[in-house]
PDB file of all heavy atoms in Angstrom:
ATOM      1  N   ASN A   1     220.668 171.785 356.506  1.00  0.00           N
ATOM      2  CA  ASN A   1     220.318 172.379 357.857  1.00  0.00           C
ATOM      3  C   ASN A   1     220.512 171.276 358.902  1.00  0.00           C
ATOM      4  O   ASN A   1     220.667 170.045 358.644  1.00  0.00           O
ATOM      5  CB  ASN A   1     218.845 172.775 357.888  1.00  0.00           C
ATOM      6  CG  ASN A   1     218.574 173.858 356.838  1.00  0.00           C
ATOM      7  OD1 ASN A   1     219.050 174.971 356.925  1.00  0.00           O
ATOM      8  ND2 ASN A   1     217.636 173.472 355.870  1.00  0.00           N
ATOM      9  N   ASP A   2     220.588 171.741 360.158  1.00  0.00           N
ATOM     10  CA  ASP A   2     220.717 170.837 361.334  1.00  0.00           C
ATOM     11  C   ASP A   2     219.462 169.942 361.348  1.00  0.00           C
ATOM     12  O   ASP A   2     218.364 170.323 361.008  1.00  0.00           O
ATOM     13  CB  ASP A   2     220.855 171.590 362.597  1.00  0.00           C
ATOM     14  CG  ASP A   2     222.141 172.383 362.591  1.00  0.00           C
ATOM     15  OD1 ASP A   2     223.028 172.051 361.808  1.00  0.00           O
ATOM     16  OD2 ASP A   2     222.264 173.308 363.497  1.00  0.00           O
ATOM     17  N   PHE A   3     219.594 168.651 361.901  1.00  0.00           N
ATOM     18  CA  PHE A   3     218.455 167.766 362.013  1.00  0.00           C
ATOM     19  C   PHE A   3     218.628 166.885 363.191  1.00  0.00           C
ATOM     20  O   PHE A   3     219.621 166.904 363.899  1.00  0.00           O
ATOM     21  CB  PHE A   3     218.329 166.911 360.730  1.00  0.00           C
ATOM     22  CG  PHE A   3     219.567 166.071 360.443  1.00  0.00           C
ATOM     23  CD1 PHE A   3     219.628 164.747 360.889  1.00  0.00           C
ATOM     24  CD2 PHE A   3     220.620 166.538 359.670  1.00  0.00           C
ATOM     25  CE1 PHE A   3     220.687 163.937 360.610  1.00  0.00           C
ATOM     26  CE2 PHE A   3     221.718 165.813 359.354  1.00  0.00           C
ATOM     27  CZ  PHE A   3     221.735 164.523 359.886  1.00  0.00           C
ATOM     28  N   LYS A   4     217.648 166.053 363.514  1.00  0.00           N
ATOM     29  CA  LYS A   4     217.659 165.113 364.610  1.00  0.00           C
ATOM     30  C   LYS A   4     217.576 163.707 364.083  1.00  0.00           C
ATOM     31  O   LYS A   4     216.769 163.390 363.245  1.00  0.00           O
ATOM     32  CB  LYS A   4     216.516 165.350 365.510  1.00  0.00           C
ATOM     33  CG  LYS A   4     216.614 166.742 366.258  1.00  0.00           C
ATOM     34  CD  LYS A   4     215.468 166.855 367.278  1.00  0.00           C
ATOM     35  CE  LYS A   4     215.578 168.279 367.996  1.00  0.00           C
ATOM     36  NZ  LYS A   4     214.429 168.416 368.880  1.00  0.00           N
ATOM     37  N   LEU A   5     218.448 162.826 364.517  1.00  0.00           N
ATOM     38  CA  LEU A   5     218.471 161.417 364.103  1.00  0.00           C
ATOM     39  C   LEU A   5     217.993 160.569 365.365  1.00  0.00           C
ATOM     40  O   LEU A   5     218.568 160.608 366.377  1.00  0.00           O
ATOM     41  CB  LEU A   5     219.808 160.928 363.695  1.00  0.00           C
ATOM     42  CG  LEU A   5     219.973 159.484 363.261  1.00  0.00           C
ATOM     43  CD1 LEU A   5     219.056 159.168 362.067  1.00  0.00           C
ATOM     44  CD2 LEU A   5     221.456 159.128 362.916  1.00  0.00           C
ATOM     45  N   VAL A   6     216.880 159.834 365.195  1.00  0.00           N
ATOM     46  CA  VAL A   6     216.355 159.050 366.326  1.00  0.00           C
ATOM     47  C   VAL A   6     216.598 157.589 365.974  1.00  0.00           C
ATOM     48  O   VAL A   6     216.151 157.007 365.011  1.00  0.00           O
ATOM     49  CB  VAL A   6     214.732 159.220 366.434  1.00  0.00           C
ATOM     50  CG1 VAL A   6     214.250 158.403 367.549  1.00  0.00           C
ATOM     51  CG2 VAL A   6     214.532 160.742 366.694  1.00  0.00           C
ATOM     52  N   ILE A   7     217.409 157.005 366.906  1.00  0.00           N
ATOM     53  CA  ILE A   7     217.810 155.536 366.753  1.00  0.00           C
ATOM     54  C   ILE A   7     217.392 154.850 368.031  1.00  0.00           C
ATOM     55  O   ILE A   7     217.834 155.154 369.101  1.00  0.00           O
ATOM     56  CB  ILE A   7     219.249 155.350 366.547  1.00  0.00           C
ATOM     57  CG1 ILE A   7     219.832 156.075 365.236  1.00  0.00           C
ATOM     58  CG2 ILE A   7     219.597 153.925 366.423  1.00  0.00           C
ATOM     59  CD1 ILE A   7     221.264 156.041 364.993  1.00  0.00           C
ATOM     60  N   ASN A   8     216.436 153.863 367.761  1.00  0.00           N
ATOM     61  CA  ASN A   8     215.958 153.051 368.992  1.00  0.00           C
ATOM     62  C   ASN A   8     215.384 153.992 370.055  1.00  0.00           C
ATOM     63  O   ASN A   8     215.789 153.855 371.199  1.00  0.00           O
ATOM     64  CB  ASN A   8     216.947 152.056 369.477  1.00  0.00           C
ATOM     65  CG  ASN A   8     217.387 151.090 368.520  1.00  0.00           C
ATOM     66  OD1 ASN A   8     216.597 150.763 367.586  1.00  0.00           O
ATOM     67  ND2 ASN A   8     218.503 150.396 368.761  1.00  0.00           N
ATOM     68  N   LYS A   9     214.695 155.001 369.617  1.00  0.00           N
ATOM     69  CA  LYS A   9     213.982 155.959 370.518  1.00  0.00           C
ATOM     70  C   LYS A   9     214.912 156.873 371.281  1.00  0.00           C
ATOM     71  O   LYS A   9     214.554 157.516 372.184  1.00  0.00           O
ATOM     72  CB  LYS A   9     213.059 155.232 371.516  1.00  0.00           C
ATOM     73  CG  LYS A   9     211.948 154.484 370.861  1.00  0.00           C
ATOM     74  CD  LYS A   9     211.052 153.820 371.976  1.00  0.00           C
ATOM     75  CE  LYS A   9     209.914 152.987 371.289  1.00  0.00           C
ATOM     76  NZ  LYS A   9     209.007 152.359 372.277  1.00  0.00           N
ATOM     77  N   ILE A  10     216.244 156.933 370.780  1.00  0.00           N
ATOM     78  CA  ILE A  10     217.207 157.807 371.426  1.00  0.00           C
ATOM     79  C   ILE A  10     217.450 158.876 370.331  1.00  0.00           C
ATOM     80  O   ILE A  10     217.787 158.606 369.169  1.00  0.00           O
ATOM     81  CB  ILE A  10     218.504 157.110 371.821  1.00  0.00           C
ATOM     82  CG1 ILE A  10     218.241 156.029 372.802  1.00  0.00           C
ATOM     83  CG2 ILE A  10     219.529 158.092 372.284  1.00  0.00           C
ATOM     84  CD1 ILE A  10     219.428 155.179 373.146  1.00  0.00           C
ATOM     85  N   THR A  11     217.374 160.152 370.766  1.00  0.00           N
ATOM     86  CA  THR A  11     217.408 161.304 369.869  1.00  0.00           C
ATOM     87  C   THR A  11     218.883 161.893 369.870  1.00  0.00           C
ATOM     88  O   THR A  11     219.434 162.167 371.011  1.00  0.00           O
ATOM     89  CB  THR A  11     216.384 162.374 370.175  1.00  0.00           C
ATOM     90  OG1 THR A  11     215.140 161.842 370.220  1.00  0.00           O
ATOM     91  CG2 THR A  11     216.522 163.524 369.231  1.00  0.00           C
ATOM     92  N   TYR A  12     219.428 162.049 368.699  1.00  0.00           N
ATOM     93  CA  TYR A  12     220.747 162.675 368.610  1.00  0.00           C
ATOM     94  C   TYR A  12     220.687 163.902 367.780  1.00  0.00           C
ATOM     95  O   TYR A  12     220.026 163.984 366.655  1.00  0.00           O
ATOM     96  CB  TYR A  12     221.737 161.719 367.901  1.00  0.00           C
ATOM     97  CG  TYR A  12     221.867 160.439 368.529  1.00  0.00           C
ATOM     98  CD1 TYR A  12     221.118 159.259 368.272  1.00  0.00           C
ATOM     99  CD2 TYR A  12     222.887 160.305 369.494  1.00  0.00           C
ATOM    100  CE1 TYR A  12     221.269 158.084 368.858  1.00  0.00           C
ATOM    101  CE2 TYR A  12     223.147 158.984 370.096  1.00  0.00           C
ATOM    102  CZ  TYR A  12     222.350 157.943 369.744  1.00  0.00           C
ATOM    103  OH  TYR A  12     222.507 156.721 370.442  1.00  0.00           O
ATOM    104  N   ASP A  13     221.145 165.040 368.300  1.00  0.00           N
ATOM    105  CA  ASP A  13     221.138 166.299 367.586  1.00  0.00           C
ATOM    106  C   ASP A  13     222.399 166.293 366.670  1.00  0.00           C
ATOM    107  O   ASP A  13     223.514 166.161 367.097  1.00  0.00           O
ATOM    108  CB  ASP A  13     221.210 167.515 368.537  1.00  0.00           C
ATOM    109  CG  ASP A  13     219.944 167.597 369.300  1.00  0.00           C
ATOM    110  OD1 ASP A  13     218.883 167.305 368.778  1.00  0.00           O
ATOM    111  OD2 ASP A  13     219.949 167.959 370.543  1.00  0.00           O
ATOM    112  N   VAL A  14     222.049 166.530 365.376  1.00  0.00           N
ATOM    113  CA  VAL A  14     223.222 166.605 364.394  1.00  0.00           C
ATOM    114  C   VAL A  14     223.366 167.927 363.798  1.00  0.00           C
ATOM    115  O   VAL A  14     222.360 168.614 363.363  1.00  0.00           O
ATOM    116  CB  VAL A  14     222.872 165.532 363.202  1.00  0.00           C
ATOM    117  CG1 VAL A  14     224.015 165.520 362.227  1.00  0.00           C
ATOM    118  CG2 VAL A  14     222.558 164.170 363.813  1.00  0.00           C
ATOM    119  N   GLN A  15     224.551 168.459 363.983  1.00  0.00           N
ATOM    120  CA  GLN A  15     224.842 169.813 363.448  1.00  0.00           C
ATOM    121  C   GLN A  15     225.659 169.657 362.112  1.00  0.00           C
ATOM    122  O   GLN A  15     226.626 168.952 362.051  1.00  0.00           O
ATOM    123  CB  GLN A  15     225.599 170.637 364.475  1.00  0.00           C
ATOM    124  CG  GLN A  15     224.851 170.943 365.725  1.00  0.00           C
ATOM    125  CD  GLN A  15     225.642 171.798 366.652  1.00  0.00           C
ATOM    126  OE1 GLN A  15     226.851 171.995 366.469  1.00  0.00           O
ATOM    127  NE2 GLN A  15     225.016 172.281 367.659  1.00  0.00           N
ATOM    128  N   CYS A  16     225.096 170.243 361.067  1.00  0.00           N
ATOM    129  CA  CYS A  16     225.752 170.232 359.708  1.00  0.00           C
ATOM    130  C   CYS A  16     226.623 171.413 359.453  1.00  0.00           C
ATOM    131  O   CYS A  16     226.187 172.586 359.757  1.00  0.00           O
ATOM    132  CB  CYS A  16     224.708 170.035 358.685  1.00  0.00           C
ATOM    133  SG  CYS A  16     223.630 168.605 358.854  1.00  0.00           S
ATOM    134  N   PRO A  17     227.804 171.188 359.073  1.00  0.00           N
ATOM    135  CA  PRO A  17     228.673 172.356 358.803  1.00  0.00           C
ATOM    136  C   PRO A  17     228.057 173.141 357.576  1.00  0.00           C
ATOM    137  O   PRO A  17     227.614 172.558 356.629  1.00  0.00           O
ATOM    138  CB  PRO A  17     230.013 171.735 358.522  1.00  0.00           C
ATOM    139  CG  PRO A  17     229.742 170.323 358.038  1.00  0.00           C
ATOM    140  CD  PRO A  17     228.507 169.900 358.846  1.00  0.00           C
ATOM    141  N   LYS A  18     228.195 174.425 357.671  1.00  0.00           N
ATOM    142  CA  LYS A  18     227.817 175.249 356.534  1.00  0.00           C
ATOM    143  C   LYS A  18     228.760 175.259 355.405  1.00  0.00           C
ATOM    144  O   LYS A  18     230.004 175.483 355.587  1.00  0.00           O
ATOM    145  CB  LYS A  18     227.503 176.718 357.068  1.00  0.00           C
ATOM    146  CG  LYS A  18     226.534 176.794 358.194  1.00  0.00           C
ATOM    147  CD  LYS A  18     225.170 176.221 357.826  1.00  0.00           C
ATOM    148  CE  LYS A  18     224.221 176.357 359.009  1.00  0.00           C
ATOM    149  NZ  LYS A  18     222.816 175.787 358.600  1.00  0.00           N
ATOM    150  N   LYS A  19     228.212 174.936 354.198  1.00  0.00           N
ATOM    151  CA  LYS A  19     229.073 174.974 353.024  1.00  0.00           C
ATOM    152  C   LYS A  19     229.172 176.425 352.468  1.00  0.00           C
ATOM    153  O   LYS A  19     228.150 177.146 352.513  1.00  0.00           O
ATOM    154  CB  LYS A  19     228.527 174.106 351.969  1.00  0.00           C
ATOM    155  CG  LYS A  19     228.504 172.529 352.340  1.00  0.00           C
ATOM    156  CD  LYS A  19     227.861 171.695 351.282  1.00  0.00           C
ATOM    157  CE  LYS A  19     228.730 171.684 350.083  1.00  0.00           C
ATOM    158  NZ  LYS A  19     228.202 170.837 349.021  1.00  0.00           N
ATOM    159  N   GLU A  20     230.379 176.706 351.947  1.00  0.00           N
ATOM    160  CA  GLU A  20     230.545 178.021 351.424  1.00  0.00           C
ATOM    161  C   GLU A  20     229.701 178.165 350.130  1.00  0.00           C
ATOM    162  O   GLU A  20     229.630 177.180 349.360  1.00  0.00           O
ATOM    163  CB  GLU A  20     231.977 178.220 351.023  1.00  0.00           C
ATOM    164  CG  GLU A  20     232.873 178.260 352.261  1.00  0.00           C
ATOM    165  CD  GLU A  20     234.362 178.513 351.863  1.00  0.00           C
ATOM    166  OE1 GLU A  20     234.614 178.746 350.724  1.00  0.00           O
ATOM    167  OE2 GLU A  20     235.219 178.627 352.812  1.00  0.00           O
ATOM    168  N   LYS A  21     229.088 179.312 349.965  1.00  0.00           N
ATOM    169  CA  LYS A  21     228.270 179.487 348.796  1.00  0.00           C
ATOM    170  C   LYS A  21     229.169 179.645 347.529  1.00  0.00           C
ATOM    171  O   LYS A  21     230.140 180.326 347.571  1.00  0.00           O
ATOM    172  CB  LYS A  21     227.408 180.721 348.927  1.00  0.00           C
ATOM    173  CG  LYS A  21     226.325 180.581 349.973  1.00  0.00           C
ATOM    174  CD  LYS A  21     225.375 181.754 350.068  1.00  0.00           C
ATOM    175  CE  LYS A  21     224.277 181.622 351.144  1.00  0.00           C
ATOM    176  NZ  LYS A  21     223.426 182.829 351.114  1.00  0.00           N
ATOM    177  N   LEU A  22     228.720 178.934 346.549  1.00  0.00           N
ATOM    178  CA  LEU A  22     229.582 179.029 345.303  1.00  0.00           C
ATOM    179  C   LEU A  22     229.295 180.309 344.571  1.00  0.00           C
ATOM    180  O   LEU A  22     228.073 180.879 344.634  1.00  0.00           O
ATOM    181  CB  LEU A  22     229.258 177.824 344.428  1.00  0.00           C
ATOM    182  CG  LEU A  22     229.498 176.405 345.002  1.00  0.00           C
ATOM    183  CD1 LEU A  22     229.038 175.359 344.056  1.00  0.00           C
ATOM    184  CD2 LEU A  22     230.967 176.192 345.376  1.00  0.00           C
ATOM    185  N   SER A  23     230.210 180.723 343.850  1.00  0.00           N
ATOM    186  CA  SER A  23     229.953 181.940 343.025  1.00  0.00           C
ATOM    187  C   SER A  23     229.076 181.515 341.826  1.00  0.00           C
ATOM    188  O   SER A  23     228.935 180.355 341.496  1.00  0.00           O
ATOM    189  CB  SER A  23     231.271 182.505 342.416  1.00  0.00           C
ATOM    190  OG  SER A  23     231.913 181.506 341.544  1.00  0.00           O
ATOM    191  N   SER A  24     228.409 182.484 341.219  1.00  0.00           N
ATOM    192  CA  SER A  24     227.511 182.265 340.131  1.00  0.00           C
ATOM    193  C   SER A  24     228.165 181.500 339.006  1.00  0.00           C
ATOM    194  O   SER A  24     227.633 180.585 338.374  1.00  0.00           O
ATOM    195  CB  SER A  24     226.876 183.510 339.590  1.00  0.00           C
ATOM    196  OG  SER A  24     227.871 184.361 339.142  1.00  0.00           O
ATOM    197  N   GLU A  25     229.442 181.877 338.690  1.00  0.00           N
ATOM    198  CA  GLU A  25     230.242 181.212 337.623  1.00  0.00           C
ATOM    199  C   GLU A  25     230.565 179.763 337.979  1.00  0.00           C
ATOM    200  O   GLU A  25     230.311 178.896 337.172  1.00  0.00           O
ATOM    201  CB  GLU A  25     231.500 181.975 337.413  1.00  0.00           C
ATOM    202  CG  GLU A  25     232.295 181.429 336.196  1.00  0.00           C
ATOM    203  CD  GLU A  25     233.579 182.229 335.950  1.00  0.00           C
ATOM    204  OE1 GLU A  25     233.753 183.282 336.605  1.00  0.00           O
ATOM    205  OE2 GLU A  25     234.428 181.883 335.068  1.00  0.00           O
ATOM    206  N   HIS A  26     230.923 179.552 339.303  1.00  0.00           N
ATOM    207  CA  HIS A  26     231.199 178.197 339.706  1.00  0.00           C
ATOM    208  C   HIS A  26     229.987 177.357 339.712  1.00  0.00           C
ATOM    209  O   HIS A  26     230.013 176.058 339.322  1.00  0.00           O
ATOM    210  CB  HIS A  26     231.865 178.234 341.048  1.00  0.00           C
ATOM    211  CG  HIS A  26     232.529 176.924 341.440  1.00  0.00           C
ATOM    212  ND1 HIS A  26     232.993 176.717 342.675  1.00  0.00           N
ATOM    213  CD2 HIS A  26     232.683 175.795 340.757  1.00  0.00           C
ATOM    214  CE1 HIS A  26     233.521 175.503 342.748  1.00  0.00           C
ATOM    215  NE2 HIS A  26     233.268 174.871 341.602  1.00  0.00           N
ATOM    216  N   ALA A  27     228.875 177.931 340.183  1.00  0.00           N
ATOM    217  CA  ALA A  27     227.568 177.246 340.217  1.00  0.00           C
ATOM    218  C   ALA A  27     227.115 176.821 338.787  1.00  0.00           C
ATOM    219  O   ALA A  27     226.683 175.638 338.593  1.00  0.00           O
ATOM    220  CB  ALA A  27     226.489 178.030 340.849  1.00  0.00           C
ATOM    221  N   THR A  28     227.359 177.637 337.879  1.00  0.00           N
ATOM    222  CA  THR A  28     226.981 177.328 336.397  1.00  0.00           C
ATOM    223  C   THR A  28     227.811 176.182 335.938  1.00  0.00           C
ATOM    224  O   THR A  28     227.361 175.349 335.255  1.00  0.00           O
ATOM    225  CB  THR A  28     227.169 178.599 335.551  1.00  0.00           C
ATOM    226  OG1 THR A  28     226.343 179.692 336.103  1.00  0.00           O
ATOM    227  CG2 THR A  28     226.753 178.272 334.148  1.00  0.00           C
ATOM    228  N   GLU A  29     229.118 176.286 336.303  1.00  0.00           N
ATOM    229  CA  GLU A  29     230.068 175.174 335.828  1.00  0.00           C
ATOM    230  C   GLU A  29     229.630 173.795 336.491  1.00  0.00           C
ATOM    231  O   GLU A  29     229.670 172.775 335.844  1.00  0.00           O
ATOM    232  CB  GLU A  29     231.431 175.444 336.220  1.00  0.00           C
ATOM    233  CG  GLU A  29     232.093 176.621 335.450  1.00  0.00           C
ATOM    234  CD  GLU A  29     233.470 176.889 335.878  1.00  0.00           C
ATOM    235  OE1 GLU A  29     233.968 176.227 336.898  1.00  0.00           O
ATOM    236  OE2 GLU A  29     234.140 177.840 335.327  1.00  0.00           O
ATOM    237  N   MET A  30     229.209 173.853 337.740  1.00  0.00           N
ATOM    238  CA  MET A  30     228.694 172.580 338.409  1.00  0.00           C
ATOM    239  C   MET A  30     227.480 172.077 337.805  1.00  0.00           C
ATOM    240  O   MET A  30     227.322 170.860 337.573  1.00  0.00           O
ATOM    241  CB  MET A  30     228.450 172.868 339.913  1.00  0.00           C
ATOM    242  CG  MET A  30     229.741 172.976 340.752  1.00  0.00           C
ATOM    243  SD  MET A  30     230.763 171.620 340.851  1.00  0.00           S
ATOM    244  CE  MET A  30     229.631 170.563 341.695  1.00  0.00           C
ATOM    245  N   GLU A  31     226.584 172.925 337.372  1.00  0.00           N
ATOM    246  CA  GLU A  31     225.232 172.547 336.741  1.00  0.00           C
ATOM    247  C   GLU A  31     225.647 171.913 335.344  1.00  0.00           C
ATOM    248  O   GLU A  31     225.071 170.887 334.917  1.00  0.00           O
ATOM    249  CB  GLU A  31     224.346 173.671 336.637  1.00  0.00           C
ATOM    250  CG  GLU A  31     223.696 174.158 337.886  1.00  0.00           C
ATOM    251  CD  GLU A  31     222.922 173.056 338.549  1.00  0.00           C
ATOM    252  OE1 GLU A  31     222.266 172.269 337.852  1.00  0.00           O
ATOM    253  OE2 GLU A  31     222.993 173.033 339.752  1.00  0.00           O
ATOM    254  N   ASN A  32     226.582 172.551 334.620  1.00  0.00           N
ATOM    255  CA  ASN A  32     226.953 172.015 333.392  1.00  0.00           C
ATOM    256  C   ASN A  32     227.618 170.674 333.543  1.00  0.00           C
ATOM    257  O   ASN A  32     227.358 169.762 332.688  1.00  0.00           O
ATOM    258  CB  ASN A  32     227.845 172.894 332.674  1.00  0.00           C
ATOM    259  CG  ASN A  32     227.256 174.284 332.226  1.00  0.00           C
ATOM    260  OD1 ASN A  32     225.959 174.306 332.108  1.00  0.00           O
ATOM    261  ND2 ASN A  32     227.974 175.324 332.062  1.00  0.00           N
ATOM    262  N   MET A  33     228.401 170.531 334.571  1.00  0.00           N
ATOM    263  CA  MET A  33     229.071 169.234 334.773  1.00  0.00           C
ATOM    264  C   MET A  33     228.011 168.116 335.131  1.00  0.00           C
ATOM    265  O   MET A  33     228.178 167.015 334.675  1.00  0.00           O
ATOM    266  CB  MET A  33     230.104 169.281 335.957  1.00  0.00           C
ATOM    267  CG  MET A  33     230.839 168.048 336.183  1.00  0.00           C
ATOM    268  SD  MET A  33     231.848 167.562 334.846  1.00  0.00           S
ATOM    269  CE  MET A  33     233.139 168.870 334.832  1.00  0.00           C
ATOM    270  N   LYS A  34     227.068 168.482 335.943  1.00  0.00           N
ATOM    271  CA  LYS A  34     225.957 167.533 336.278  1.00  0.00           C
ATOM    272  C   LYS A  34     225.198 167.101 335.091  1.00  0.00           C
ATOM    273  O   LYS A  34     224.854 165.947 334.821  1.00  0.00           O
ATOM    274  CB  LYS A  34     224.987 168.121 337.305  1.00  0.00           C
ATOM    275  CG  LYS A  34     225.597 168.367 338.656  1.00  0.00           C
ATOM    276  CD  LYS A  34     224.542 169.024 339.620  1.00  0.00           C
ATOM    277  CE  LYS A  34     225.163 169.302 340.982  1.00  0.00           C
ATOM    278  NZ  LYS A  34     224.162 169.964 341.839  1.00  0.00           N
ATOM    279  N   SER A  35     224.968 168.023 334.181  1.00  0.00           N
ATOM    280  CA  SER A  35     224.225 167.737 332.966  1.00  0.00           C
ATOM    281  C   SER A  35     225.021 166.908 332.076  1.00  0.00           C
ATOM    282  O   SER A  35     224.460 165.924 331.396  1.00  0.00           O
ATOM    283  CB  SER A  35     223.843 169.073 332.258  1.00  0.00           C
ATOM    284  OG  SER A  35     223.180 168.769 331.013  1.00  0.00           O
ATOM    285  N   LEU A  36     226.355 167.115 331.970  1.00  0.00           N
ATOM    286  CA  LEU A  36     227.215 166.235 331.190  1.00  0.00           C
ATOM    287  C   LEU A  36     227.321 164.800 331.719  1.00  0.00           C
ATOM    288  O   LEU A  36     227.214 163.875 330.902  1.00  0.00           O
ATOM    289  CB  LEU A  36     228.576 166.909 331.097  1.00  0.00           C
ATOM    290  CG  LEU A  36     229.680 166.125 330.375  1.00  0.00           C
ATOM    291  CD1 LEU A  36     229.255 165.935 328.904  1.00  0.00           C
ATOM    292  CD2 LEU A  36     230.990 166.735 330.477  1.00  0.00           C
ATOM    293  N   VAL A  37     227.388 164.684 333.008  1.00  0.00           N
ATOM    294  CA  VAL A  37     227.451 163.377 333.659  1.00  0.00           C
ATOM    295  C   VAL A  37     226.108 162.563 333.323  1.00  0.00           C
ATOM    296  O   VAL A  37     226.195 161.433 333.073  1.00  0.00           O
ATOM    297  CB  VAL A  37     227.696 163.457 335.174  1.00  0.00           C
ATOM    298  CG1 VAL A  37     227.498 162.117 335.770  1.00  0.00           C
ATOM    299  CG2 VAL A  37     229.126 163.968 335.380  1.00  0.00           C
TER     300      VAL A  37
END
């Protein structure tokens, strides 16, 4: 999500790009890869 970064009392609004949602099959593969690593 978007957030605010405060550096030396100066506030910066940070906008995060939205990542595309992975399909259930791709998400399962990613979880398996994380577990293997």
